[in-house]
Amino acid sequence: MTQIVDCRLKKMCNKCESNLDKPCAWLSLGNEYCDEIMDIEKQLRGLNYQCRYLKRTRDIMQEYLKLIIDIAYDYDGCNTVQGLKSIIDEIVRYAIAGKDMDDSVVVYADGDKDYNILNEELEKN
C-alpha cells in the first residue's frame, strides 16, 4: 500500500534534500522517492532521448554532406556526359537521403555486408 507522508514531518530522503515551501508526496514503495524527483527524472530521460535523437540526425546529415562533397570534388574519370549524369544522380540520391535523415540507405558495402551512412551494418531483407 502506498503511503503519502508530508516531507516536513518526516526525515527527507537523499533524493529530496531541499526544504520545500509546500509538502511534497513522499512515497514509501521499498525505495523512497519524492514524486517531484520522479517527475524530474522522467523529464531528464525524455530530454536525454531527444538529445541522442538530435545528435544522431545531425550526424546523419553531416556525413551525407561530407560524402556529397567527396563525390563532387573527386570525379576523376567521369569525363563523358553519361559519367557526369551518373555522378549528379548519385549526389541527388544522397542529398535526398540526407534531407530525409534516412539511415537505411546502403552507402558502403563490404563483401556480403551493407552499411549505412554512419557505418552501421544494415540487415538484409
PDB file of N, CA and C in Angstrom:
ATOM      1  N   MET A   1       0.832  -1.172   0.000  1.00  0.00           N
ATOM      2  CA  MET A   1       0.000   0.000   0.000  1.00  0.00           C
ATOM      3  C   MET A   1       0.883   1.243   0.000  1.00  0.00           C
ATOM      4  N   THR A   2       0.547   2.193  -0.834  1.00  0.00           N
ATOM      5  CA  THR A   2       1.300   3.424  -0.935  1.00  0.00           C
ATOM      6  C   THR A   2       0.865   4.380   0.155  1.00  0.00           C
ATOM      7  N   GLN A   3       1.839   4.906   0.856  1.00  0.00           N
ATOM      8  CA  GLN A   3       1.541   5.820   1.938  1.00  0.00           C
ATOM      9  C   GLN A   3       2.120   7.185   1.589  1.00  0.00           C
ATOM     10  N   ILE A   4       1.303   8.218   1.594  1.00  0.00           N
ATOM     11  CA  ILE A   4       1.753   9.567   1.298  1.00  0.00           C
ATOM     12  C   ILE A   4       1.980  10.281   2.624  1.00  0.00           C
ATOM     13  N   VAL A   5       3.177  10.807   2.780  1.00  0.00           N
ATOM     14  CA  VAL A   5       3.565  11.446   4.031  1.00  0.00           C
ATOM     15  C   VAL A   5       4.090  12.833   3.706  1.00  0.00           C
ATOM     16  N   ASP A   6       3.825  13.776   4.560  1.00  0.00           N
ATOM     17  CA  ASP A   6       4.339  15.127   4.397  1.00  0.00           C
ATOM     18  C   ASP A   6       5.835  15.109   4.698  1.00  0.00           C
ATOM     19  N   CYS A   7       6.671  15.563   3.712  1.00  0.00           N
ATOM     20  CA  CYS A   7       8.118  15.551   3.893  1.00  0.00           C
ATOM     21  C   CYS A   7       8.557  16.413   5.069  1.00  0.00           C
ATOM     22  N   ARG A   8       7.799  17.416   5.418  1.00  0.00           N
ATOM     23  CA  ARG A   8       8.190  18.280   6.535  1.00  0.00           C
ATOM     24  C   ARG A   8       8.034  17.564   7.866  1.00  0.00           C
ATOM     25  N   LEU A   9       7.252  16.496   7.883  1.00  0.00           N
ATOM     26  CA  LEU A   9       7.034  15.768   9.125  1.00  0.00           C
ATOM     27  C   LEU A   9       7.977  14.585   9.273  1.00  0.00           C
ATOM     28  N   LYS A  10       8.635  14.193   8.195  1.00  0.00           N
ATOM     29  CA  LYS A  10       9.487  13.016   8.199  1.00  0.00           C
ATOM     30  C   LYS A  10      10.869  13.408   7.704  1.00  0.00           C
ATOM     31  N   LYS A  11      11.898  12.656   8.094  1.00  0.00           N
ATOM     32  CA  LYS A  11      13.246  12.931   7.618  1.00  0.00           C
ATOM     33  C   LYS A  11      13.270  12.827   6.089  1.00  0.00           C
ATOM     34  N   MET A  12      13.917  13.783   5.444  1.00  0.00           N
ATOM     35  CA  MET A  12      13.973  13.799   3.981  1.00  0.00           C
ATOM     36  C   MET A  12      14.870  12.663   3.490  1.00  0.00           C
ATOM     37  N   CYS A  13      14.515  12.104   2.369  1.00  0.00           N
ATOM     38  CA  CYS A  13      15.372  11.096   1.749  1.00  0.00           C
ATOM     39  C   CYS A  13      16.514  11.817   1.035  1.00  0.00           C
ATOM     40  N   ASN A  14      17.524  11.071   0.600  1.00  0.00           N
ATOM     41  CA  ASN A  14      18.656  11.714  -0.059  1.00  0.00           C
ATOM     42  C   ASN A  14      18.290  12.269  -1.434  1.00  0.00           C
ATOM     43  N   LYS A  15      17.174  11.875  -1.989  1.00  0.00           N
ATOM     44  CA  LYS A  15      16.710  12.406  -3.264  1.00  0.00           C
ATOM     45  C   LYS A  15      15.948  13.715  -3.081  1.00  0.00           C
ATOM     46  N   CYS A  16      15.512  14.000  -1.872  1.00  0.00           N
ATOM     47  CA  CYS A  16      14.653  15.157  -1.624  1.00  0.00           C
ATOM     48  C   CYS A  16      15.225  15.963  -0.470  1.00  0.00           C
ATOM     49  N   GLU A  17      16.412  16.538  -0.656  1.00  0.00           N
ATOM     50  CA  GLU A  17      17.114  17.185   0.438  1.00  0.00           C
ATOM     51  C   GLU A  17      16.667  18.622   0.684  1.00  0.00           C
ATOM     52  N   SER A  18      16.074  19.257  -0.298  1.00  0.00           N
ATOM     53  CA  SER A  18      15.761  20.675  -0.139  1.00  0.00           C
ATOM     54  C   SER A  18      14.561  20.866   0.775  1.00  0.00           C
ATOM     55  N   ASN A  19      14.520  22.014   1.424  1.00  0.00           N
ATOM     56  CA  ASN A  19      13.360  22.379   2.223  1.00  0.00           C
ATOM     57  C   ASN A  19      12.311  22.949   1.280  1.00  0.00           C
ATOM     58  N   LEU A  20      11.163  22.360   1.292  1.00  0.00           N
ATOM     59  CA  LEU A  20      10.107  22.789   0.390  1.00  0.00           C
ATOM     60  C   LEU A  20       9.135  23.705   1.108  1.00  0.00           C
ATOM     61  N   ASP A  21       8.625  24.674   0.399  1.00  0.00           N
ATOM     62  CA  ASP A  21       7.626  25.575   0.977  1.00  0.00           C
ATOM     63  C   ASP A  21       6.307  24.862   1.193  1.00  0.00           C
ATOM     64  N   LYS A  22       6.041  23.896   0.348  1.00  0.00           N
ATOM     65  CA  LYS A  22       4.785  23.150   0.450  1.00  0.00           C
ATOM     66  C   LYS A  22       5.118  21.676   0.624  1.00  0.00           C
ATOM     67  N   PRO A  23       4.222  20.896   1.163  1.00  0.00           N
ATOM     68  CA  PRO A  23       4.525  19.473   1.323  1.00  0.00           C
ATOM     69  C   PRO A  23       4.579  18.771  -0.032  1.00  0.00           C
ATOM     70  N   CYS A  24       5.487  17.823  -0.151  1.00  0.00           N
ATOM     71  CA  CYS A  24       5.510  17.004  -1.358  1.00  0.00           C
ATOM     72  C   CYS A  24       5.055  15.603  -0.975  1.00  0.00           C
ATOM     73  N   ALA A  25       4.622  14.857  -1.936  1.00  0.00           N
ATOM     74  CA  ALA A  25       4.162  13.498  -1.670  1.00  0.00           C
ATOM     75  C   ALA A  25       5.382  12.589  -1.643  1.00  0.00           C
ATOM     76  N   TRP A  26       5.679  12.080  -0.476  1.00  0.00           N
ATOM     77  CA  TRP A  26       6.835  11.213  -0.309  1.00  0.00           C
ATOM     78  C   TRP A  26       6.327   9.789  -0.216  1.00  0.00           C
ATOM     79  N   LEU A  27       6.618   8.986  -1.234  1.00  0.00           N
ATOM     80  CA  LEU A  27       6.027   7.656  -1.320  1.00  0.00           C
ATOM     81  C   LEU A  27       6.940   6.602  -0.704  1.00  0.00           C
ATOM     82  N   SER A  28       6.362   5.677   0.017  1.00  0.00           N
ATOM     83  CA  SER A  28       7.103   4.533   0.535  1.00  0.00           C
ATOM     84  C   SER A  28       6.770   3.333  -0.345  1.00  0.00           C
ATOM     85  N   LEU A  29       7.700   3.023  -1.252  1.00  0.00           N
ATOM     86  CA  LEU A  29       7.488   1.893  -2.173  1.00  0.00           C
ATOM     87  C   LEU A  29       8.692   0.949  -2.138  1.00  0.00           C
ATOM     88  N   GLY A  30       9.269   0.741  -0.998  1.00  0.00           N
ATOM     89  CA  GLY A  30      10.509  -0.020  -0.929  1.00  0.00           C
ATOM     90  C   GLY A  30      11.666   0.945  -1.104  1.00  0.00           C
ATOM     91  N   ASN A  31      11.735   1.618  -2.238  1.00  0.00           N
ATOM     92  CA  ASN A  31      12.659   2.729  -2.421  1.00  0.00           C
ATOM     93  C   ASN A  31      11.840   3.989  -2.235  1.00  0.00           C
ATOM     94  N   GLU A  32      12.339   4.883  -1.453  1.00  0.00           N
ATOM     95  CA  GLU A  32      11.566   6.075  -1.150  1.00  0.00           C
ATOM     96  C   GLU A  32      12.003   7.204  -2.071  1.00  0.00           C
ATOM     97  N   TYR A  33      11.088   7.662  -2.882  1.00  0.00           N
ATOM     98  CA  TYR A  33      11.358   8.757  -3.807  1.00  0.00           C
ATOM     99  C   TYR A  33      10.282   9.804  -3.660  1.00  0.00           C
ATOM    100  N   CYS A  34      10.663  11.002  -3.848  1.00  0.00           N
ATOM    101  CA  CYS A  34       9.730  12.118  -3.852  1.00  0.00           C
ATOM    102  C   CYS A  34       9.062  12.157  -5.226  1.00  0.00           C
ATOM    103  N   ASP A  35       7.762  12.411  -5.301  1.00  0.00           N
ATOM    104  CA  ASP A  35       7.061  12.493  -6.585  1.00  0.00           C
ATOM    105  C   ASP A  35       7.691  13.521  -7.504  1.00  0.00           C
ATOM    106  N   GLU A  36       8.095  14.651  -6.927  1.00  0.00           N
ATOM    107  CA  GLU A  36       8.686  15.691  -7.762  1.00  0.00           C
ATOM    108  C   GLU A  36      10.003  15.221  -8.359  1.00  0.00           C
ATOM    109  N   ILE A  37      10.797  14.486  -7.608  1.00  0.00           N
ATOM    110  CA  ILE A  37      12.055  13.941  -8.119  1.00  0.00           C
ATOM    111  C   ILE A  37      11.773  12.918  -9.204  1.00  0.00           C
ATOM    112  N   MET A  38      10.768  12.069  -9.013  1.00  0.00           N
ATOM    113  CA  MET A  38      10.429  11.081 -10.032  1.00  0.00           C
ATOM    114  C   MET A  38      10.025  11.773 -11.321  1.00  0.00           C
ATOM    115  N   ASP A  39       9.263  12.865 -11.225  1.00  0.00           N
ATOM    116  CA  ASP A  39       8.868  13.605 -12.419  1.00  0.00           C
ATOM    117  C   ASP A  39      10.080  14.219 -13.109  1.00  0.00           C
ATOM    118  N   ILE A  40      11.001  14.753 -12.327  1.00  0.00           N
ATOM    119  CA  ILE A  40      12.208  15.356 -12.904  1.00  0.00           C
ATOM    120  C   ILE A  40      13.036  14.287 -13.601  1.00  0.00           C
ATOM    121  N   GLU A  41      13.193  13.112 -12.966  1.00  0.00           N
ATOM    122  CA  GLU A  41      13.961  12.032 -13.590  1.00  0.00           C
ATOM    123  C   GLU A  41      13.309  11.574 -14.883  1.00  0.00           C
ATOM    124  N   LYS A  42      11.998  11.519 -14.913  1.00  0.00           N
ATOM    125  CA  LYS A  42      11.280  11.139 -16.131  1.00  0.00           C
ATOM    126  C   LYS A  42      11.516  12.182 -17.229  1.00  0.00           C
ATOM    127  N   GLN A  43      11.474  13.456 -16.862  1.00  0.00           N
ATOM    128  CA  GLN A  43      11.727  14.513 -17.838  1.00  0.00           C
ATOM    129  C   GLN A  43      13.164  14.449 -18.339  1.00  0.00           C
ATOM    130  N   LEU A  44      14.111  14.158 -17.444  1.00  0.00           N
ATOM    131  CA  LEU A  44      15.513  14.045 -17.860  1.00  0.00           C
ATOM    132  C   LEU A  44      15.720  12.887 -18.828  1.00  0.00           C
ATOM    133  N   ARG A  45      15.055  11.754 -18.569  1.00  0.00           N
ATOM    134  CA  ARG A  45      15.149  10.626 -19.504  1.00  0.00           C
ATOM    135  C   ARG A  45      14.624  11.030 -20.867  1.00  0.00           C
ATOM    136  N   GLY A  46      13.512  11.777 -20.891  1.00  0.00           N
ATOM    137  CA  GLY A  46      12.965  12.250 -22.155  1.00  0.00           C
ATOM    138  C   GLY A  46      13.903  13.208 -22.855  1.00  0.00           C
ATOM    139  N   LEU A  47      14.520  14.105 -22.102  1.00  0.00           N
ATOM    140  CA  LEU A  47      15.474  15.049 -22.689  1.00  0.00           C
ATOM    141  C   LEU A  47      16.714  14.334 -23.204  1.00  0.00           C
ATOM    142  N   ASN A  48      17.191  13.333 -22.465  1.00  0.00           N
ATOM    143  CA  ASN A  48      18.349  12.561 -22.930  1.00  0.00           C
ATOM    144  C   ASN A  48      18.035  11.855 -24.243  1.00  0.00           C
ATOM    145  N   TYR A  49      16.830  11.291 -24.350  1.00  0.00           N
ATOM    146  CA  TYR A  49      16.416  10.648 -25.596  1.00  0.00           C
ATOM    147  C   TYR A  49      16.384  11.669 -26.728  1.00  0.00           C
ATOM    148  N   GLN A  50      15.814  12.838 -26.474  1.00  0.00           N
ATOM    149  CA  GLN A  50      15.739  13.871 -27.502  1.00  0.00           C
ATOM    150  C   GLN A  50      17.128  14.332 -27.930  1.00  0.00           C
ATOM    151  N   CYS A  51      18.042  14.462 -26.969  1.00  0.00           N
ATOM    152  CA  CYS A  51      19.413  14.870 -27.294  1.00  0.00           C
ATOM    153  C   CYS A  51      20.108  13.820 -28.158  1.00  0.00           C
ATOM    154  N   ARG A  52      19.940  12.545 -27.793  1.00  0.00           N
ATOM    155  CA  ARG A  52      20.539  11.480 -28.613  1.00  0.00           C
ATOM    156  C   ARG A  52      19.956  11.477 -30.013  1.00  0.00           C
ATOM    157  N   TYR A  53      18.633  11.694 -30.122  1.00  0.00           N
ATOM    158  CA  TYR A  53      17.983  11.735 -31.426  1.00  0.00           C
ATOM    159  C   TYR A  53      18.508  12.907 -32.258  1.00  0.00           C
ATOM    160  N   LEU A  54      18.608  14.082 -31.648  1.00  0.00           N
ATOM    161  CA  LEU A  54      19.109  15.249 -32.372  1.00  0.00           C
ATOM    162  C   LEU A  54      20.560  15.070 -32.794  1.00  0.00           C
ATOM    163  N   LYS A  55      21.376  14.483 -31.927  1.00  0.00           N
ATOM    164  CA  LYS A  55      22.774  14.241 -32.286  1.00  0.00           C
ATOM    165  C   LYS A  55      22.857  13.260 -33.447  1.00  0.00           C
ATOM    166  N   ARG A  56      22.043  12.224 -33.401  1.00  0.00           N
ATOM    167  CA  ARG A  56      22.069  11.233 -34.491  1.00  0.00           C
ATOM    168  C   ARG A  56      21.630  11.859 -35.808  1.00  0.00           C
ATOM    169  N   THR A  57      20.565  12.640 -35.792  1.00  0.00           N
ATOM    170  CA  THR A  57      20.110  13.261 -37.040  1.00  0.00           C
ATOM    171  C   THR A  57      21.148  14.246 -37.558  1.00  0.00           C
ATOM    172  N   ARG A  58      21.807  14.970 -36.640  1.00  0.00           N
ATOM    173  CA  ARG A  58      22.878  15.877 -37.066  1.00  0.00           C
ATOM    174  C   ARG A  58      24.032  15.096 -37.684  1.00  0.00           C
ATOM    175  N   ASP A  59      24.405  13.977 -37.061  1.00  0.00           N
ATOM    176  CA  ASP A  59      25.494  13.155 -37.577  1.00  0.00           C
ATOM    177  C   ASP A  59      25.155  12.584 -38.949  1.00  0.00           C
ATOM    178  N   ILE A  60      23.913  12.151 -39.125  1.00  0.00           N
ATOM    179  CA  ILE A  60      23.488  11.606 -40.426  1.00  0.00           C
ATOM    180  C   ILE A  60      23.616  12.670 -41.505  1.00  0.00           C
ATOM    181  N   MET A  61      23.073  13.851 -41.236  1.00  0.00           N
ATOM    182  CA  MET A  61      23.123  14.910 -42.228  1.00  0.00           C
ATOM    183  C   MET A  61      24.562  15.333 -42.507  1.00  0.00           C
ATOM    184  N   GLN A  62      25.370  15.439 -41.470  1.00  0.00           N
ATOM    185  CA  GLN A  62      26.756  15.849 -41.631  1.00  0.00           C
ATOM    186  C   GLN A  62      27.536  14.831 -42.471  1.00  0.00           C
ATOM    187  N   GLU A  63      27.309  13.552 -42.245  1.00  0.00           N
ATOM    188  CA  GLU A  63      28.009  12.520 -43.008  1.00  0.00           C
ATOM    189  C   GLU A  63      27.578  12.513 -44.474  1.00  0.00           C
ATOM    190  N   TYR A  64      26.269  12.727 -44.723  1.00  0.00           N
ATOM    191  CA  TYR A  64      25.808  12.819 -46.117  1.00  0.00           C
ATOM    192  C   TYR A  64      26.440  14.018 -46.811  1.00  0.00           C
ATOM    193  N   LEU A  65      26.537  15.153 -46.116  1.00  0.00           N
ATOM    194  CA  LEU A  65      27.161  16.330 -46.726  1.00  0.00           C
ATOM    195  C   LEU A  65      28.629  16.082 -47.034  1.00  0.00           C
ATOM    196  N   LYS A  66      29.352  15.424 -46.116  1.00  0.00           N
ATOM    197  CA  LYS A  66      30.752  15.084 -46.378  1.00  0.00           C
ATOM    198  C   LYS A  66      30.872  14.180 -47.601  1.00  0.00           C
ATOM    199  N   LEU A  67      29.983  13.199 -47.691  1.00  0.00           N
ATOM    200  CA  LEU A  67      30.010  12.263 -48.812  1.00  0.00           C
ATOM    201  C   LEU A  67      29.742  12.990 -50.126  1.00  0.00           C
ATOM    202  N   ILE A  68      28.768  13.882 -50.129  1.00  0.00           N
ATOM    203  CA  ILE A  68      28.443  14.647 -51.340  1.00  0.00           C
ATOM    204  C   ILE A  68      29.634  15.499 -51.768  1.00  0.00           C
ATOM    205  N   ILE A  69      30.290  16.141 -50.811  1.00  0.00           N
ATOM    206  CA  ILE A  69      31.477  16.949 -51.130  1.00  0.00           C
ATOM    207  C   ILE A  69      32.576  16.067 -51.710  1.00  0.00           C
ATOM    208  N   ASP A  70      32.800  14.901 -51.104  1.00  0.00           N
ATOM    209  CA  ASP A  70      33.829  13.988 -51.599  1.00  0.00           C
ATOM    210  C   ASP A  70      33.537  13.541 -53.028  1.00  0.00           C
ATOM    211  N   ILE A  71      32.283  13.202 -53.305  1.00  0.00           N
ATOM    212  CA  ILE A  71      31.908  12.757 -54.647  1.00  0.00           C
ATOM    213  C   ILE A  71      32.069  13.897 -55.646  1.00  0.00           C
ATOM    214  N   ALA A  72      31.595  15.089 -55.299  1.00  0.00           N
ATOM    215  CA  ALA A  72      31.659  16.230 -56.211  1.00  0.00           C
ATOM    216  C   ALA A  72      33.098  16.688 -56.441  1.00  0.00           C
ATOM    217  N   TYR A  73      33.933  16.579 -55.418  1.00  0.00           N
ATOM    218  CA  TYR A  73      35.313  17.037 -55.527  1.00  0.00           C
ATOM    219  C   TYR A  73      36.172  16.063 -56.318  1.00  0.00           C
ATOM    220  N   ASP A  74      35.927  14.783 -56.150  1.00  0.00           N
ATOM    221  CA  ASP A  74      36.784  13.752 -56.742  1.00  0.00           C
ATOM    222  C   ASP A  74      36.019  12.988 -57.811  1.00  0.00           C
ATOM    223  N   TYR A  75      35.764  13.617 -58.940  1.00  0.00           N
ATOM    224  CA  TYR A  75      35.025  12.974 -60.022  1.00  0.00           C
ATOM    225  C   TYR A  75      35.937  12.595 -61.179  1.00  0.00           C
ATOM    226  N   ASP A  76      37.203  12.325 -60.879  1.00  0.00           N
ATOM    227  CA  ASP A  76      38.165  11.928 -61.906  1.00  0.00           C
ATOM    228  C   ASP A  76      37.668  10.688 -62.643  1.00  0.00           C
ATOM    229  N   GLY A  77      37.884  10.681 -63.920  1.00  0.00           N
ATOM    230  CA  GLY A  77      37.499   9.536 -64.727  1.00  0.00           C
ATOM    231  C   GLY A  77      36.092   9.629 -65.269  1.00  0.00           C
ATOM    232  N   CYS A  78      35.338  10.615 -64.861  1.00  0.00           N
ATOM    233  CA  CYS A  78      33.978  10.798 -65.380  1.00  0.00           C
ATOM    234  C   CYS A  78      33.981  11.992 -66.320  1.00  0.00           C
ATOM    235  N   ASN A  79      34.541  11.776 -67.500  1.00  0.00           N
ATOM    236  CA  ASN A  79      34.657  12.862 -68.469  1.00  0.00           C
ATOM    237  C   ASN A  79      33.531  12.847 -69.494  1.00  0.00           C
ATOM    238  N   THR A  80      32.797  11.757 -69.551  1.00  0.00           N
ATOM    239  CA  THR A  80      31.705  11.678 -70.518  1.00  0.00           C
ATOM    240  C   THR A  80      30.443  12.280 -69.924  1.00  0.00           C
ATOM    241  N   VAL A  81      29.544  12.612 -70.800  1.00  0.00           N
ATOM    242  CA  VAL A  81      28.262  13.154 -70.345  1.00  0.00           C
ATOM    243  C   VAL A  81      27.533  12.120 -69.493  1.00  0.00           C
ATOM    244  N   GLN A  82      27.549  10.875 -69.903  1.00  0.00           N
ATOM    245  CA  GLN A  82      26.879   9.818 -69.147  1.00  0.00           C
ATOM    246  C   GLN A  82      27.505   9.647 -67.767  1.00  0.00           C
ATOM    247  N   GLY A  83      28.826   9.717 -67.686  1.00  0.00           N
ATOM    248  CA  GLY A  83      29.510   9.603 -66.403  1.00  0.00           C
ATOM    249  C   GLY A  83      29.151  10.753 -65.463  1.00  0.00           C
ATOM    250  N   LEU A  84      29.110  11.964 -66.002  1.00  0.00           N
ATOM    251  CA  LEU A  84      28.744  13.120 -65.185  1.00  0.00           C
ATOM    252  C   LEU A  84      27.286  13.058 -64.746  1.00  0.00           C
ATOM    253  N   LYS A  85      26.413  12.541 -65.612  1.00  0.00           N
ATOM    254  CA  LYS A  85      24.999  12.375 -65.236  1.00  0.00           C
ATOM    255  C   LYS A  85      24.865  11.381 -64.088  1.00  0.00           C
ATOM    256  N   SER A  86      25.654  10.313 -64.140  1.00  0.00           N
ATOM    257  CA  SER A  86      25.573   9.318 -63.060  1.00  0.00           C
ATOM    258  C   SER A  86      26.060   9.913 -61.737  1.00  0.00           C
ATOM    259  N   ILE A  87      27.073  10.778 -61.783  1.00  0.00           N
ATOM    260  CA  ILE A  87      27.539  11.442 -60.554  1.00  0.00           C
ATOM    261  C   ILE A  87      26.453  12.362 -60.017  1.00  0.00           C
ATOM    262  N   ILE A  88      25.810  13.114 -60.897  1.00  0.00           N
ATOM    263  CA  ILE A  88      24.724  14.004 -60.460  1.00  0.00           C
ATOM    264  C   ILE A  88      23.601  13.194 -59.836  1.00  0.00           C
ATOM    265  N   ASP A  89      23.240  12.059 -60.461  1.00  0.00           N
ATOM    266  CA  ASP A  89      22.190  11.199 -59.895  1.00  0.00           C
ATOM    267  C   ASP A  89      22.576  10.688 -58.510  1.00  0.00           C
ATOM    268  N   GLU A  90      23.850  10.304 -58.353  1.00  0.00           N
ATOM    269  CA  GLU A  90      24.314   9.811 -57.058  1.00  0.00           C
ATOM    270  C   GLU A  90      24.273  10.924 -56.005  1.00  0.00           C
ATOM    271  N   ILE A  91      24.696  12.121 -56.375  1.00  0.00           N
ATOM    272  CA  ILE A  91      24.665  13.252 -55.453  1.00  0.00           C
ATOM    273  C   ILE A  91      23.233  13.576 -55.055  1.00  0.00           C
ATOM    274  N   VAL A  92      22.325  13.566 -56.016  1.00  0.00           N
ATOM    275  CA  VAL A  92      20.914  13.846 -55.719  1.00  0.00           C
ATOM    276  C   VAL A  92      20.349  12.785 -54.786  1.00  0.00           C
ATOM    277  N   ARG A  93      20.680  11.522 -55.013  1.00  0.00           N
ATOM    278  CA  ARG A  93      20.186  10.436 -54.153  1.00  0.00           C
ATOM    279  C   ARG A  93      20.652  10.630 -52.711  1.00  0.00           C
ATOM    280  N   TYR A  94      21.934  10.983 -52.536  1.00  0.00           N
ATOM    281  CA  TYR A  94      22.447  11.202 -51.187  1.00  0.00           C
ATOM    282  C   TYR A  94      21.916  12.493 -50.574  1.00  0.00           C
ATOM    283  N   ALA A  95      21.688  13.510 -51.384  1.00  0.00           N
ATOM    284  CA  ALA A  95      21.115  14.760 -50.862  1.00  0.00           C
ATOM    285  C   ALA A  95      19.701  14.524 -50.345  1.00  0.00           C
ATOM    286  N   ILE A  96      18.914  13.757 -51.065  1.00  0.00           N
ATOM    287  CA  ILE A  96      17.547  13.444 -50.622  1.00  0.00           C
ATOM    288  C   ILE A  96      17.592  12.605 -49.342  1.00  0.00           C
ATOM    289  N   ALA A  97      18.483  11.618 -49.302  1.00  0.00           N
ATOM    290  CA  ALA A  97      18.611  10.787 -48.093  1.00  0.00           C
ATOM    291  C   ALA A  97      19.055  11.638 -46.906  1.00  0.00           C
ATOM    292  N   GLY A  98      19.957  12.585 -47.133  1.00  0.00           N
ATOM    293  CA  GLY A  98      20.403  13.464 -46.067  1.00  0.00           C
ATOM    294  C   GLY A  98      19.300  14.392 -45.592  1.00  0.00           C
ATOM    295  N   LYS A  99      18.526  14.925 -46.529  1.00  0.00           N
ATOM    296  CA  LYS A  99      17.410  15.811 -46.180  1.00  0.00           C
ATOM    297  C   LYS A  99      16.382  15.061 -45.350  1.00  0.00           C
ATOM    298  N   ASP A 100      16.131  13.810 -45.729  1.00  0.00           N
ATOM    299  CA  ASP A 100      15.159  12.982 -45.009  1.00  0.00           C
ATOM    300  C   ASP A 100      15.775  12.305 -43.782  1.00  0.00           C
ATOM    301  N   MET A 101      17.075  12.499 -43.574  1.00  0.00           N
ATOM    302  CA  MET A 101      17.827  11.869 -42.488  1.00  0.00           C
ATOM    303  C   MET A 101      17.604  10.354 -42.476  1.00  0.00           C
ATOM    304  N   ASP A 102      17.718   9.777 -43.650  1.00  0.00           N
ATOM    305  CA  ASP A 102      17.452   8.359 -43.862  1.00  0.00           C
ATOM    306  C   ASP A 102      18.722   7.558 -43.610  1.00  0.00           C
ATOM    307  N   ASP A 103      18.712   6.751 -42.573  1.00  0.00           N
ATOM    308  CA  ASP A 103      19.881   5.934 -42.267  1.00  0.00           C
ATOM    309  C   ASP A 103      19.714   4.490 -42.745  1.00  0.00           C
ATOM    310  N   SER A 104      18.749   4.272 -43.642  1.00  0.00           N
ATOM    311  CA  SER A 104      18.539   2.923 -44.156  1.00  0.00           C
ATOM    312  C   SER A 104      19.086   2.754 -45.576  1.00  0.00           C
ATOM    313  N   VAL A 105      19.646   3.805 -46.151  1.00  0.00           N
ATOM    314  CA  VAL A 105      20.213   3.746 -47.498  1.00  0.00           C
ATOM    315  C   VAL A 105      21.573   3.053 -47.422  1.00  0.00           C
ATOM    316  N   VAL A 106      21.800   2.115 -48.320  1.00  0.00           N
ATOM    317  CA  VAL A 106      23.099   1.439 -48.380  1.00  0.00           C
ATOM    318  C   VAL A 106      24.094   2.408 -49.011  1.00  0.00           C
ATOM    319  N   VAL A 107      25.112   2.767 -48.246  1.00  0.00           N
ATOM    320  CA  VAL A 107      26.129   3.696 -48.733  1.00  0.00           C
ATOM    321  C   VAL A 107      27.444   2.965 -48.973  1.00  0.00           C
ATOM    322  N   TYR A 108      27.770   2.051 -48.080  1.00  0.00           N
ATOM    323  CA  TYR A 108      29.008   1.300 -48.181  1.00  0.00           C
ATOM    324  C   TYR A 108      28.689  -0.189 -48.198  1.00  0.00           C
ATOM    325  N   ALA A 109      29.526  -0.942 -48.893  1.00  0.00           N
ATOM    326  CA  ALA A 109      29.368  -2.391 -48.929  1.00  0.00           C
ATOM    327  C   ALA A 109      30.735  -3.033 -48.746  1.00  0.00           C
ATOM    328  N   ASP A 110      30.744  -4.145 -48.014  1.00  0.00           N
ATOM    329  CA  ASP A 110      31.976  -4.892 -47.788  1.00  0.00           C
ATOM    330  C   ASP A 110      31.629  -6.368 -47.897  1.00  0.00           C
ATOM    331  N   GLY A 111      31.878  -6.923 -49.049  1.00  0.00           N
ATOM    332  CA  GLY A 111      31.523  -8.326 -49.273  1.00  0.00           C
ATOM    333  C   GLY A 111      30.014  -8.487 -49.270  1.00  0.00           C
ATOM    334  N   ASP A 112      29.521  -9.278 -48.338  1.00  0.00           N
ATOM    335  CA  ASP A 112      28.079  -9.506 -48.265  1.00  0.00           C
ATOM    336  C   ASP A 112      27.399  -8.628 -47.225  1.00  0.00           C
ATOM    337  N   LYS A 113      28.129  -7.675 -46.636  1.00  0.00           N
ATOM    338  CA  LYS A 113      27.557  -6.787 -45.631  1.00  0.00           C
ATOM    339  C   LYS A 113      27.334  -5.393 -46.217  1.00  0.00           C
ATOM    340  N   ASP A 114      26.208  -4.805 -45.873  1.00  0.00           N
ATOM    341  CA  ASP A 114      25.884  -3.450 -46.296  1.00  0.00           C
ATOM    342  C   ASP A 114      25.879  -2.537 -45.081  1.00  0.00           C
ATOM    343  N   TYR A 115      26.317  -1.286 -45.295  1.00  0.00           N
ATOM    344  CA  TYR A 115      26.415  -0.327 -44.200  1.00  0.00           C
ATOM    345  C   TYR A 115      25.720   0.976 -44.579  1.00  0.00           C
ATOM    346  N   ASN A 116      25.180   1.648 -43.560  1.00  0.00           N
ATOM    347  CA  ASN A 116      24.533   2.936 -43.802  1.00  0.00           C
ATOM    348  C   ASN A 116      25.562   4.061 -43.723  1.00  0.00           C
ATOM    349  N   ILE A 117      25.095   5.290 -43.736  1.00  0.00           N
ATOM    350  CA  ILE A 117      25.972   6.461 -43.747  1.00  0.00           C
ATOM    351  C   ILE A 117      26.809   6.563 -42.473  1.00  0.00           C
ATOM    352  N   LEU A 118      26.349   5.995 -41.364  1.00  0.00           N
ATOM    353  CA  LEU A 118      27.091   6.037 -40.103  1.00  0.00           C
ATOM    354  C   LEU A 118      27.943   4.788 -39.898  1.00  0.00           C
ATOM    355  N   ASN A 119      28.140   4.019 -40.967  1.00  0.00           N
ATOM    356  CA  ASN A 119      28.904   2.771 -40.935  1.00  0.00           C
ATOM    357  C   ASN A 119      28.299   1.737 -39.993  1.00  0.00           C
ATOM    358  N   GLU A 120      26.998   1.747 -39.861  1.00  0.00           N
ATOM    359  CA  GLU A 120      26.287   0.733 -39.076  1.00  0.00           C
ATOM    360  C   GLU A 120      25.790  -0.334 -40.048  1.00  0.00           C
ATOM    361  N   GLU A 121      25.971  -1.575 -39.651  1.00  0.00           N
ATOM    362  CA  GLU A 121      25.582  -2.679 -40.526  1.00  0.00           C
ATOM    363  C   GLU A 121      24.056  -2.714 -40.681  1.00  0.00           C
ATOM    364  N   LEU A 122      23.618  -2.860 -41.930  1.00  0.00           N
ATOM    365  CA  LEU A 122      22.200  -2.951 -42.231  1.00  0.00           C
ATOM    366  C   LEU A 122      21.797  -4.415 -42.366  1.00  0.00           C
ATOM    367  N   GLU A 123      20.601  -4.724 -41.909  1.00  0.00           N
ATOM    368  CA  GLU A 123      20.108  -6.094 -42.032  1.00  0.00           C
ATOM    369  C   GLU A 123      19.659  -6.360 -43.463  1.00  0.00           C
ATOM    370  N   LYS A 124      19.916  -7.555 -43.898  1.00  0.00           N
ATOM    371  CA  LYS A 124      19.463  -7.960 -45.235  1.00  0.00           C
ATOM    372  C   LYS A 124      17.981  -8.265 -45.196  1.00  0.00           C
ATOM    373  N   ASN A 125      17.274  -7.881 -46.247  1.00  0.00           N
ATOM    374  CA  ASN A 125      15.816  -8.169 -46.313  1.00  0.00           C
ATOM    375  C   ASN A 125      15.553  -9.568 -46.759  1.00  0.00           C
TER     376      ASN A 125
END
